[in-house]
Amino acid sequence: MDTNKHGEIPVVQSSTTYNPEDNTLSIFALNCSENDDLLLDAQFRSFGSVKIIDHLVMDGPDLYATNNFDSPENVKPKKYDISSEAGEQLEITLPKMSWNMIRLQCETSL
């Protein structure tokens, strides 16, 4: 994706964290596409099979929307339909222009 200010950037940007205390992974993913939902494909061979705990999404038609005293719930994460079973590989759809947090329970701990 080409931007005026930052040049070429990836359309999907992501980061993953592992919590050894509860053996979970959290994927944070940003879909910067203005037009298309995109597929996130992740593999978890080191963790064995993983199970999706939840998928939270922040998106909407107005990228400049804010919360205020009159509309305190205007911008907030919402649960997204989990239509994908995990395993050692996860394929999940990221809505266009969205921030996503996907939590996974791992079968194998590191």
N, C-alpha and C. Protein backbone atom coordinates (compact mmCIF):
# COMPACT_ATOMS: atom_id res chain seq x y z
N MET A 1 0.86 -1.17 0.00
CA MET A 1 0.00 0.00 0.00
C MET A 1 0.90 1.23 0.00
N ASP A 2 0.62 2.16 -0.89
CA ASP A 2 1.44 3.36 -1.00
C ASP A 2 0.75 4.53 -0.31
N THR A 3 1.50 5.24 0.55
CA THR A 3 0.95 6.40 1.26
C THR A 3 1.72 7.65 0.89
N ASN A 4 1.08 8.80 0.97
CA ASN A 4 1.75 10.06 0.67
C ASN A 4 2.81 10.40 1.71
N LYS A 5 2.51 10.13 2.98
CA LYS A 5 3.39 10.55 4.07
C LYS A 5 4.50 9.54 4.38
N HIS A 6 4.19 8.24 4.32
CA HIS A 6 5.15 7.23 4.77
C HIS A 6 5.65 6.32 3.66
N GLY A 7 5.27 6.57 2.43
CA GLY A 7 5.70 5.71 1.34
C GLY A 7 4.99 4.37 1.36
N GLU A 8 5.68 3.33 0.97
CA GLU A 8 5.11 1.98 0.89
C GLU A 8 5.03 1.36 2.29
N ILE A 9 3.83 0.86 2.66
CA ILE A 9 3.64 0.17 3.94
C ILE A 9 2.88 -1.12 3.69
N PRO A 10 3.04 -2.12 4.57
CA PRO A 10 2.24 -3.34 4.42
C PRO A 10 0.76 -3.05 4.65
N VAL A 11 -0.11 -3.71 3.92
CA VAL A 11 -1.54 -3.52 4.07
C VAL A 11 -2.01 -4.08 5.41
N VAL A 12 -1.42 -5.21 5.82
CA VAL A 12 -1.72 -5.79 7.13
C VAL A 12 -0.46 -5.68 7.99
N GLN A 13 -0.63 -5.11 9.16
CA GLN A 13 0.46 -5.02 10.13
C GLN A 13 0.03 -5.81 11.35
N SER A 14 0.95 -6.63 11.90
CA SER A 14 0.55 -7.46 13.04
C SER A 14 1.70 -7.70 14.00
N SER A 15 1.32 -8.07 15.20
CA SER A 15 2.27 -8.42 16.24
C SER A 15 1.60 -9.48 17.11
N THR A 16 2.40 -10.40 17.64
CA THR A 16 1.86 -11.47 18.48
C THR A 16 2.63 -11.53 19.80
N THR A 17 1.89 -11.72 20.89
CA THR A 17 2.52 -11.87 22.20
C THR A 17 2.12 -13.23 22.79
N TYR A 18 3.01 -13.77 23.63
CA TYR A 18 2.74 -15.04 24.31
C TYR A 18 2.75 -14.79 25.81
N ASN A 19 1.73 -15.29 26.51
CA ASN A 19 1.64 -15.17 27.96
C ASN A 19 1.87 -16.57 28.56
N PRO A 20 3.05 -16.81 29.14
CA PRO A 20 3.32 -18.14 29.69
C PRO A 20 2.49 -18.47 30.93
N GLU A 21 1.96 -17.45 31.61
CA GLU A 21 1.18 -17.70 32.82
C GLU A 21 -0.12 -18.43 32.53
N ASP A 22 -0.78 -18.09 31.43
CA ASP A 22 -2.03 -18.79 31.09
C ASP A 22 -1.95 -19.51 29.74
N ASN A 23 -0.73 -19.56 29.16
CA ASN A 23 -0.48 -20.29 27.93
C ASN A 23 -1.37 -19.81 26.78
N THR A 24 -1.42 -18.48 26.61
CA THR A 24 -2.23 -17.90 25.53
C THR A 24 -1.37 -17.05 24.61
N LEU A 25 -1.84 -16.94 23.38
CA LEU A 25 -1.27 -16.03 22.39
C LEU A 25 -2.28 -14.93 22.13
N SER A 26 -1.80 -13.72 21.92
CA SER A 26 -2.65 -12.60 21.50
C SER A 26 -2.07 -12.03 20.22
N ILE A 27 -2.89 -12.01 19.18
CA ILE A 27 -2.48 -11.43 17.90
C ILE A 27 -3.15 -10.07 17.79
N PHE A 28 -2.36 -9.06 17.51
CA PHE A 28 -2.88 -7.72 17.24
C PHE A 28 -2.63 -7.44 15.77
N ALA A 29 -3.68 -7.17 15.01
CA ALA A 29 -3.54 -7.00 13.57
C ALA A 29 -4.34 -5.79 13.09
N LEU A 30 -3.74 -5.04 12.20
CA LEU A 30 -4.34 -3.85 11.62
C LEU A 30 -4.48 -4.07 10.12
N ASN A 31 -5.71 -3.98 9.61
CA ASN A 31 -5.95 -4.06 8.17
C ASN A 31 -6.10 -2.62 7.68
N CYS A 32 -5.13 -2.17 6.91
CA CYS A 32 -5.12 -0.78 6.42
C CYS A 32 -5.83 -0.60 5.09
N SER A 33 -6.34 -1.68 4.50
CA SER A 33 -7.01 -1.57 3.21
C SER A 33 -8.31 -0.78 3.36
N GLU A 34 -8.51 0.18 2.49
CA GLU A 34 -9.73 0.99 2.51
C GLU A 34 -10.89 0.28 1.82
N ASN A 35 -10.59 -0.76 1.04
CA ASN A 35 -11.62 -1.39 0.22
C ASN A 35 -11.89 -2.86 0.51
N ASP A 36 -10.91 -3.57 1.05
CA ASP A 36 -11.04 -5.03 1.09
C ASP A 36 -10.85 -5.62 2.49
N ASP A 37 -11.71 -6.59 2.83
CA ASP A 37 -11.44 -7.46 3.95
C ASP A 37 -10.27 -8.34 3.51
N LEU A 38 -9.38 -8.67 4.43
CA LEU A 38 -8.21 -9.47 4.08
C LEU A 38 -8.09 -10.68 4.98
N LEU A 39 -7.44 -11.71 4.47
CA LEU A 39 -7.26 -12.95 5.20
C LEU A 39 -5.91 -12.92 5.92
N LEU A 40 -5.94 -13.16 7.24
CA LEU A 40 -4.72 -13.32 8.02
C LEU A 40 -4.47 -14.81 8.16
N ASP A 41 -3.28 -15.22 7.77
CA ASP A 41 -2.89 -16.64 7.82
C ASP A 41 -1.71 -16.75 8.77
N ALA A 42 -1.89 -17.48 9.89
CA ALA A 42 -0.82 -17.64 10.88
C ALA A 42 -0.63 -19.11 11.21
N GLN A 43 0.62 -19.50 11.47
CA GLN A 43 0.92 -20.89 11.79
C GLN A 43 1.52 -20.96 13.19
N PHE A 44 1.17 -22.02 13.93
CA PHE A 44 1.54 -22.15 15.34
C PHE A 44 2.17 -23.50 15.65
N ARG A 45 3.03 -23.98 14.81
CA ARG A 45 3.63 -25.31 14.99
C ARG A 45 4.29 -25.47 16.35
N SER A 46 4.95 -24.43 16.86
CA SER A 46 5.65 -24.52 18.15
C SER A 46 4.70 -24.66 19.33
N PHE A 47 3.44 -24.29 19.14
CA PHE A 47 2.46 -24.31 20.22
C PHE A 47 1.48 -25.46 20.12
N GLY A 48 1.67 -26.34 19.14
CA GLY A 48 0.70 -27.42 18.93
C GLY A 48 -0.60 -26.84 18.42
N SER A 49 -1.68 -27.47 18.74
CA SER A 49 -2.99 -26.99 18.33
C SER A 49 -3.39 -25.80 19.19
N VAL A 50 -4.04 -24.81 18.59
CA VAL A 50 -4.53 -23.66 19.34
C VAL A 50 -6.04 -23.55 19.14
N LYS A 51 -6.70 -22.97 20.14
CA LYS A 51 -8.15 -22.78 20.09
C LYS A 51 -8.43 -21.29 20.20
N ILE A 52 -9.33 -20.79 19.37
CA ILE A 52 -9.68 -19.38 19.41
C ILE A 52 -10.53 -19.09 20.64
N ILE A 53 -10.08 -18.15 21.46
CA ILE A 53 -10.84 -17.73 22.64
C ILE A 53 -11.82 -16.63 22.24
N ASP A 54 -11.30 -15.59 21.61
CA ASP A 54 -12.18 -14.53 21.10
C ASP A 54 -11.46 -13.67 20.08
N HIS A 55 -12.24 -12.89 19.35
CA HIS A 55 -11.75 -11.98 18.32
C HIS A 55 -12.49 -10.67 18.51
N LEU A 56 -11.76 -9.63 18.92
CA LEU A 56 -12.33 -8.30 19.09
C LEU A 56 -11.91 -7.43 17.92
N VAL A 57 -12.84 -6.59 17.45
CA VAL A 57 -12.60 -5.73 16.29
C VAL A 57 -13.05 -4.31 16.59
N MET A 58 -12.25 -3.36 16.14
CA MET A 58 -12.69 -1.95 16.10
C MET A 58 -12.64 -1.53 14.64
N ASP A 59 -13.81 -1.17 14.11
CA ASP A 59 -13.90 -0.71 12.73
C ASP A 59 -15.15 0.15 12.59
N GLY A 60 -15.40 0.63 11.43
CA GLY A 60 -16.60 1.42 11.19
C GLY A 60 -16.43 2.31 9.98
N PRO A 61 -17.52 2.90 9.54
CA PRO A 61 -17.48 3.72 8.32
C PRO A 61 -16.79 5.08 8.53
N ASP A 62 -16.73 5.56 9.77
CA ASP A 62 -16.14 6.87 10.04
C ASP A 62 -14.84 6.70 10.82
N LEU A 63 -13.71 6.85 10.13
CA LEU A 63 -12.41 6.68 10.77
C LEU A 63 -12.08 7.80 11.76
N TYR A 64 -12.83 8.87 11.71
CA TYR A 64 -12.59 10.00 12.63
C TYR A 64 -13.60 10.04 13.76
N ALA A 65 -14.36 8.98 13.92
CA ALA A 65 -15.36 8.91 14.99
C ALA A 65 -14.64 8.96 16.35
N THR A 66 -15.29 9.58 17.32
CA THR A 66 -14.75 9.69 18.67
C THR A 66 -15.87 9.44 19.68
N ASN A 67 -15.46 9.19 20.90
CA ASN A 67 -16.41 9.12 22.00
C ASN A 67 -16.48 10.50 22.64
N ASN A 68 -17.65 10.85 23.14
CA ASN A 68 -17.81 12.10 23.88
C ASN A 68 -18.92 11.90 24.91
N PHE A 69 -19.25 12.93 25.67
CA PHE A 69 -20.27 12.80 26.71
C PHE A 69 -21.64 12.43 26.14
N ASP A 70 -21.95 12.91 24.94
CA ASP A 70 -23.24 12.60 24.32
C ASP A 70 -23.27 11.20 23.71
N SER A 71 -22.12 10.72 23.26
CA SER A 71 -22.02 9.38 22.64
C SER A 71 -20.81 8.63 23.20
N PRO A 72 -20.89 8.19 24.47
CA PRO A 72 -19.73 7.56 25.09
C PRO A 72 -19.41 6.15 24.56
N GLU A 73 -20.33 5.54 23.84
CA GLU A 73 -20.13 4.19 23.31
C GLU A 73 -19.96 4.17 21.80
N ASN A 74 -19.67 5.31 21.21
CA ASN A 74 -19.56 5.44 19.77
C ASN A 74 -18.42 4.57 19.20
N VAL A 75 -17.27 4.59 19.86
CA VAL A 75 -16.11 3.82 19.41
C VAL A 75 -15.73 2.84 20.51
N LYS A 76 -15.86 1.56 20.21
CA LYS A 76 -15.49 0.53 21.18
C LYS A 76 -15.28 -0.79 20.46
N PRO A 77 -14.47 -1.66 21.03
CA PRO A 77 -14.30 -2.97 20.42
C PRO A 77 -15.59 -3.78 20.49
N LYS A 78 -15.79 -4.62 19.48
CA LYS A 78 -16.96 -5.51 19.50
C LYS A 78 -16.48 -6.92 19.18
N LYS A 79 -17.21 -7.90 19.68
CA LYS A 79 -16.87 -9.29 19.38
C LYS A 79 -17.19 -9.57 17.92
N TYR A 80 -16.29 -10.25 17.27
CA TYR A 80 -16.43 -10.60 15.87
C TYR A 80 -16.77 -12.08 15.79
N ASP A 81 -17.60 -12.45 14.85
CA ASP A 81 -17.98 -13.84 14.67
C ASP A 81 -16.74 -14.68 14.37
N ILE A 82 -16.55 -15.71 15.18
CA ILE A 82 -15.41 -16.61 14.98
C ILE A 82 -15.88 -17.72 14.05
N SER A 83 -15.55 -17.57 12.78
CA SER A 83 -16.01 -18.53 11.78
C SER A 83 -14.91 -19.51 11.40
N SER A 84 -13.78 -19.43 12.08
CA SER A 84 -12.66 -20.30 11.74
C SER A 84 -12.25 -21.13 12.95
N GLU A 85 -12.09 -22.42 12.74
CA GLU A 85 -11.52 -23.27 13.77
C GLU A 85 -10.00 -23.17 13.64
N ALA A 86 -9.32 -23.27 14.74
CA ALA A 86 -7.87 -23.19 14.70
C ALA A 86 -7.29 -24.59 14.55
N GLY A 87 -6.16 -24.80 15.09
CA GLY A 87 -5.38 -26.03 14.98
C GLY A 87 -3.95 -25.57 15.06
N GLU A 88 -3.13 -26.01 14.11
CA GLU A 88 -1.76 -25.48 14.03
C GLU A 88 -1.68 -24.33 13.05
N GLN A 89 -2.79 -24.04 12.37
CA GLN A 89 -2.85 -22.93 11.42
C GLN A 89 -4.17 -22.20 11.60
N LEU A 90 -4.12 -20.89 11.49
CA LEU A 90 -5.32 -20.06 11.64
C LEU A 90 -5.48 -19.21 10.39
N GLU A 91 -6.67 -19.22 9.83
CA GLU A 91 -7.03 -18.30 8.75
C GLU A 91 -8.25 -17.54 9.24
N ILE A 92 -8.12 -16.22 9.33
CA ILE A 92 -9.22 -15.41 9.86
C ILE A 92 -9.33 -14.14 9.04
N THR A 93 -10.55 -13.70 8.80
CA THR A 93 -10.80 -12.51 7.99
C THR A 93 -10.70 -11.25 8.85
N LEU A 94 -9.93 -10.28 8.36
CA LEU A 94 -9.82 -8.98 9.01
C LEU A 94 -10.65 -7.98 8.20
N PRO A 95 -11.68 -7.38 8.80
CA PRO A 95 -12.49 -6.40 8.06
C PRO A 95 -11.63 -5.23 7.57
N LYS A 96 -12.07 -4.61 6.48
CA LYS A 96 -11.32 -3.46 5.95
C LYS A 96 -11.22 -2.37 7.02
N MET A 97 -10.10 -1.65 7.01
CA MET A 97 -9.84 -0.52 7.93
C MET A 97 -10.19 -0.89 9.38
N SER A 98 -9.56 -1.95 9.90
CA SER A 98 -9.90 -2.42 11.23
C SER A 98 -8.67 -2.71 12.08
N TRP A 99 -8.88 -2.61 13.39
CA TRP A 99 -7.93 -3.06 14.41
C TRP A 99 -8.52 -4.34 14.97
N ASN A 100 -7.68 -5.37 15.15
CA ASN A 100 -8.15 -6.68 15.59
C ASN A 100 -7.29 -7.21 16.72
N MET A 101 -7.92 -7.89 17.67
CA MET A 101 -7.20 -8.61 18.72
C MET A 101 -7.80 -10.00 18.78
N ILE A 102 -6.96 -11.00 18.53
CA ILE A 102 -7.40 -12.38 18.51
C ILE A 102 -6.65 -13.13 19.61
N ARG A 103 -7.39 -13.71 20.55
CA ARG A 103 -6.77 -14.46 21.64
C ARG A 103 -6.93 -15.94 21.38
N LEU A 104 -5.84 -16.68 21.63
CA LEU A 104 -5.78 -18.12 21.36
C LEU A 104 -5.27 -18.86 22.59
N GLN A 105 -5.89 -19.99 22.88
CA GLN A 105 -5.41 -20.88 23.94
C GLN A 105 -4.51 -21.92 23.30
N CYS A 106 -3.30 -22.09 23.83
CA CYS A 106 -2.33 -23.02 23.27
C CYS A 106 -2.41 -24.38 23.93
N GLU A 107 -2.21 -25.41 23.14
CA GLU A 107 -2.20 -26.78 23.65
C GLU A 107 -0.87 -27.07 24.34
N THR A 108 0.23 -26.60 23.73
CA THR A 108 1.58 -26.86 24.22
C THR A 108 2.19 -25.58 24.75
N SER A 109 2.80 -25.64 25.93
CA SER A 109 3.48 -24.45 26.47
C SER A 109 4.96 -24.49 26.08
N LEU A 110 5.56 -23.32 26.03
CA LEU A 110 6.98 -23.23 25.69
C LEU A 110 7.84 -23.41 26.90
